[in-house]
Amino acid sequence: MNYLHKKTKKMKRDEKYIFPVVVTFKTSNRSNAKIKQKVIRNRNVDEVNDVNVKIPGIPDKAIILSIGLGESFIGKFK
């Protein structure tokens, strides 16, 4: 019965299958708010889209305009 209480370790993901996730957001709901982009290279799309996960650099009150997957989305809104 002791084997049920062991913690499972997360397996390290293979780096070649993780694509950069590009999040485009505004810091407020005003019309003249600056549009910013954040490139996240160590998380997948589901982790970025989850409400409970806090991502450094993106405020809690930010309005997310788009989430893209891959290098082609970098600089698209600029």
N, C-alpha and C. Protein backbone atom coordinates (compact mmCIF):
# COMPACT_ATOMS: atom_id res chain seq x y z
N MET A 1 0.80 -1.20 0.00
CA MET A 1 0.00 0.00 0.00
C MET A 1 0.84 1.26 0.00
N ASN A 2 2.10 1.16 0.31
CA ASN A 2 2.96 2.33 0.36
C ASN A 2 3.24 2.89 -1.03
N TYR A 3 3.10 2.06 -2.07
CA TYR A 3 3.40 2.52 -3.42
C TYR A 3 2.36 3.52 -3.94
N LEU A 4 1.21 3.64 -3.32
CA LEU A 4 0.19 4.58 -3.77
C LEU A 4 0.52 6.03 -3.43
N HIS A 5 1.39 6.24 -2.47
CA HIS A 5 1.66 7.59 -2.00
C HIS A 5 2.92 8.20 -2.60
N LYS A 6 3.58 7.52 -3.52
CA LYS A 6 4.77 8.07 -4.13
C LYS A 6 4.38 9.12 -5.16
N LYS A 7 5.15 10.19 -5.21
CA LYS A 7 4.91 11.24 -6.19
C LYS A 7 5.48 10.82 -7.53
N THR A 8 4.76 11.12 -8.57
CA THR A 8 5.26 10.82 -9.90
C THR A 8 6.03 12.02 -10.42
N LYS A 9 7.12 11.76 -11.07
CA LYS A 9 7.95 12.82 -11.62
C LYS A 9 7.47 13.15 -13.02
N LYS A 10 7.55 14.43 -13.38
CA LYS A 10 7.22 14.82 -14.75
C LYS A 10 8.35 14.39 -15.67
N MET A 11 7.97 13.85 -16.80
CA MET A 11 8.97 13.47 -17.78
C MET A 11 9.43 14.71 -18.53
N LYS A 12 10.69 14.77 -18.84
CA LYS A 12 11.21 15.89 -19.61
C LYS A 12 10.74 15.76 -21.05
N ARG A 13 10.21 16.86 -21.58
CA ARG A 13 9.71 16.84 -22.94
C ARG A 13 10.84 16.99 -23.94
N ASP A 14 10.65 16.37 -25.05
CA ASP A 14 11.62 16.49 -26.13
C ASP A 14 11.51 17.88 -26.74
N GLU A 15 12.61 18.60 -26.84
CA GLU A 15 12.59 20.00 -27.25
C GLU A 15 12.19 20.20 -28.71
N LYS A 16 12.36 19.21 -29.56
CA LYS A 16 12.07 19.45 -30.98
C LYS A 16 10.57 19.46 -31.27
N TYR A 17 9.74 19.01 -30.34
CA TYR A 17 8.30 19.01 -30.56
C TYR A 17 7.61 20.23 -29.95
N ILE A 18 8.33 21.08 -29.24
CA ILE A 18 7.75 22.26 -28.63
C ILE A 18 7.99 23.44 -29.56
N PHE A 19 6.90 24.01 -30.06
CA PHE A 19 6.98 25.18 -30.92
C PHE A 19 6.79 26.43 -30.06
N PRO A 20 7.35 27.56 -30.46
CA PRO A 20 7.12 28.78 -29.69
C PRO A 20 5.66 29.21 -29.79
N VAL A 21 5.10 29.60 -28.64
CA VAL A 21 3.73 30.09 -28.56
C VAL A 21 3.80 31.61 -28.47
N VAL A 22 3.12 32.30 -29.37
CA VAL A 22 3.13 33.76 -29.42
C VAL A 22 1.78 34.26 -28.92
N VAL A 23 1.80 35.05 -27.84
CA VAL A 23 0.58 35.61 -27.27
C VAL A 23 0.59 37.11 -27.56
N THR A 24 -0.46 37.59 -28.21
CA THR A 24 -0.63 39.01 -28.48
C THR A 24 -1.71 39.52 -27.55
N PHE A 25 -1.39 40.58 -26.78
CA PHE A 25 -2.33 41.05 -25.77
C PHE A 25 -2.26 42.55 -25.63
N LYS A 26 -3.32 43.12 -25.04
CA LYS A 26 -3.37 44.53 -24.67
C LYS A 26 -3.41 44.60 -23.15
N THR A 27 -2.76 45.60 -22.58
CA THR A 27 -2.67 45.68 -21.14
C THR A 27 -3.93 46.24 -20.49
N SER A 28 -4.80 46.88 -21.26
CA SER A 28 -6.07 47.39 -20.72
C SER A 28 -7.12 47.36 -21.82
N ASN A 29 -8.35 47.70 -21.45
CA ASN A 29 -9.42 47.65 -22.43
C ASN A 29 -9.63 48.98 -23.14
N ARG A 30 -8.74 49.92 -22.98
CA ARG A 30 -8.85 51.21 -23.65
C ARG A 30 -8.49 51.07 -25.13
N SER A 31 -9.00 51.99 -25.93
CA SER A 31 -8.77 51.88 -27.37
C SER A 31 -7.34 52.22 -27.76
N ASN A 32 -6.66 53.05 -26.95
CA ASN A 32 -5.28 53.43 -27.28
C ASN A 32 -4.26 52.62 -26.49
N ALA A 33 -4.65 51.49 -25.93
CA ALA A 33 -3.71 50.66 -25.19
C ALA A 33 -2.69 50.03 -26.15
N LYS A 34 -1.47 49.92 -25.68
CA LYS A 34 -0.41 49.39 -26.52
C LYS A 34 -0.57 47.88 -26.69
N ILE A 35 -0.38 47.41 -27.90
CA ILE A 35 -0.44 45.99 -28.20
C ILE A 35 0.95 45.40 -28.01
N LYS A 36 1.04 44.34 -27.23
CA LYS A 36 2.33 43.72 -26.94
C LYS A 36 2.29 42.25 -27.32
N GLN A 37 3.48 41.70 -27.53
CA GLN A 37 3.62 40.28 -27.84
C GLN A 37 4.57 39.63 -26.86
N LYS A 38 4.28 38.40 -26.51
CA LYS A 38 5.14 37.62 -25.62
C LYS A 38 5.37 36.27 -26.28
N VAL A 39 6.61 35.88 -26.45
CA VAL A 39 6.96 34.59 -27.03
C VAL A 39 7.32 33.65 -25.89
N ILE A 40 6.60 32.54 -25.79
CA ILE A 40 6.81 31.56 -24.73
C ILE A 40 7.33 30.30 -25.37
N ARG A 41 8.53 29.92 -25.00
CA ARG A 41 9.18 28.77 -25.65
C ARG A 41 9.18 27.50 -24.81
N ASN A 42 8.80 27.58 -23.54
CA ASN A 42 8.92 26.40 -22.68
C ASN A 42 7.57 25.84 -22.25
N ARG A 43 6.46 26.30 -22.82
CA ARG A 43 5.14 25.78 -22.49
C ARG A 43 4.37 25.51 -23.77
N ASN A 44 3.37 24.62 -23.68
CA ASN A 44 2.57 24.35 -24.86
C ASN A 44 1.33 25.24 -24.85
N VAL A 45 0.52 25.14 -25.88
CA VAL A 45 -0.63 26.03 -26.06
C VAL A 45 -1.66 25.82 -24.95
N ASP A 46 -1.87 24.59 -24.53
CA ASP A 46 -2.87 24.31 -23.50
C ASP A 46 -2.49 24.95 -22.17
N GLU A 47 -1.22 24.94 -21.83
CA GLU A 47 -0.77 25.57 -20.59
C GLU A 47 -0.89 27.08 -20.66
N VAL A 48 -0.66 27.67 -21.81
CA VAL A 48 -0.77 29.12 -21.97
C VAL A 48 -2.24 29.54 -21.92
N ASN A 49 -3.12 28.76 -22.51
CA ASN A 49 -4.53 29.09 -22.58
C ASN A 49 -5.27 28.82 -21.27
N ASP A 50 -4.67 28.08 -20.35
CA ASP A 50 -5.30 27.77 -19.07
C ASP A 50 -5.39 29.01 -18.20
N VAL A 51 -6.53 29.20 -17.55
CA VAL A 51 -6.76 30.39 -16.73
C VAL A 51 -5.95 30.34 -15.44
N ASN A 52 -5.71 29.16 -14.90
CA ASN A 52 -5.06 29.02 -13.60
C ASN A 52 -3.54 29.17 -13.66
N VAL A 53 -2.96 29.14 -14.84
CA VAL A 53 -1.50 29.22 -14.98
C VAL A 53 -1.10 30.69 -15.12
N LYS A 54 -0.18 31.14 -14.29
CA LYS A 54 0.33 32.51 -14.33
C LYS A 54 1.59 32.52 -15.18
N ILE A 55 1.59 33.38 -16.19
CA ILE A 55 2.74 33.49 -17.08
C ILE A 55 3.45 34.81 -16.78
N PRO A 56 4.73 34.77 -16.46
CA PRO A 56 5.45 36.02 -16.18
C PRO A 56 5.49 36.92 -17.40
N GLY A 57 5.21 38.20 -17.19
CA GLY A 57 5.23 39.16 -18.28
C GLY A 57 3.87 39.49 -18.83
N ILE A 58 2.85 38.69 -18.49
CA ILE A 58 1.49 38.97 -18.94
C ILE A 58 0.64 39.26 -17.70
N PRO A 59 0.11 40.48 -17.57
CA PRO A 59 -0.69 40.80 -16.38
C PRO A 59 -2.00 40.01 -16.33
N ASP A 60 -2.57 39.92 -15.13
CA ASP A 60 -3.83 39.19 -14.96
C ASP A 60 -4.98 39.88 -15.68
N LYS A 61 -4.93 41.21 -15.78
CA LYS A 61 -6.02 41.97 -16.40
C LYS A 61 -5.84 42.14 -17.91
N ALA A 62 -4.84 41.50 -18.48
CA ALA A 62 -4.56 41.68 -19.91
C ALA A 62 -5.66 41.07 -20.77
N ILE A 63 -5.92 41.72 -21.89
CA ILE A 63 -6.90 41.23 -22.86
C ILE A 63 -6.12 40.52 -23.96
N ILE A 64 -6.31 39.22 -24.07
CA ILE A 64 -5.57 38.43 -25.05
C ILE A 64 -6.27 38.55 -26.40
N LEU A 65 -5.54 39.04 -27.39
CA LEU A 65 -6.10 39.22 -28.73
C LEU A 65 -5.95 37.96 -29.57
N SER A 66 -4.79 37.31 -29.50
CA SER A 66 -4.58 36.09 -30.28
C SER A 66 -3.48 35.26 -29.65
N ILE A 67 -3.55 33.96 -29.93
CA ILE A 67 -2.51 33.01 -29.54
C ILE A 67 -2.13 32.26 -30.80
N GLY A 68 -0.84 32.34 -31.16
CA GLY A 68 -0.36 31.67 -32.36
C GLY A 68 0.71 30.66 -32.04
N LEU A 69 0.90 29.72 -32.93
CA LEU A 69 1.87 28.65 -32.72
C LEU A 69 2.86 28.66 -33.87
N GLY A 70 4.14 28.91 -33.57
CA GLY A 70 5.17 28.89 -34.59
C GLY A 70 5.86 30.23 -34.76
N GLU A 71 6.94 30.20 -35.50
CA GLU A 71 7.75 31.40 -35.72
C GLU A 71 7.06 32.43 -36.61
N SER A 72 6.09 32.01 -37.41
CA SER A 72 5.48 32.93 -38.37
C SER A 72 4.60 33.99 -37.69
N PHE A 73 4.18 33.79 -36.45
CA PHE A 73 3.31 34.74 -35.77
C PHE A 73 4.09 35.84 -35.07
N ILE A 74 5.41 35.72 -34.98
CA ILE A 74 6.21 36.74 -34.30
C ILE A 74 6.25 37.99 -35.18
N GLY A 75 5.85 39.11 -34.63
CA GLY A 75 5.87 40.37 -35.35
C GLY A 75 4.71 40.59 -36.30
N LYS A 76 3.69 39.78 -36.24
CA LYS A 76 2.57 39.90 -37.17
C LYS A 76 1.72 41.13 -36.87
N PHE A 77 1.60 41.54 -35.61
CA PHE A 77 0.78 42.68 -35.24
C PHE A 77 1.55 43.98 -35.23
N LYS A 78 2.84 43.97 -35.46
CA LYS A 78 3.63 45.18 -35.36
C LYS A 78 3.60 45.98 -36.63
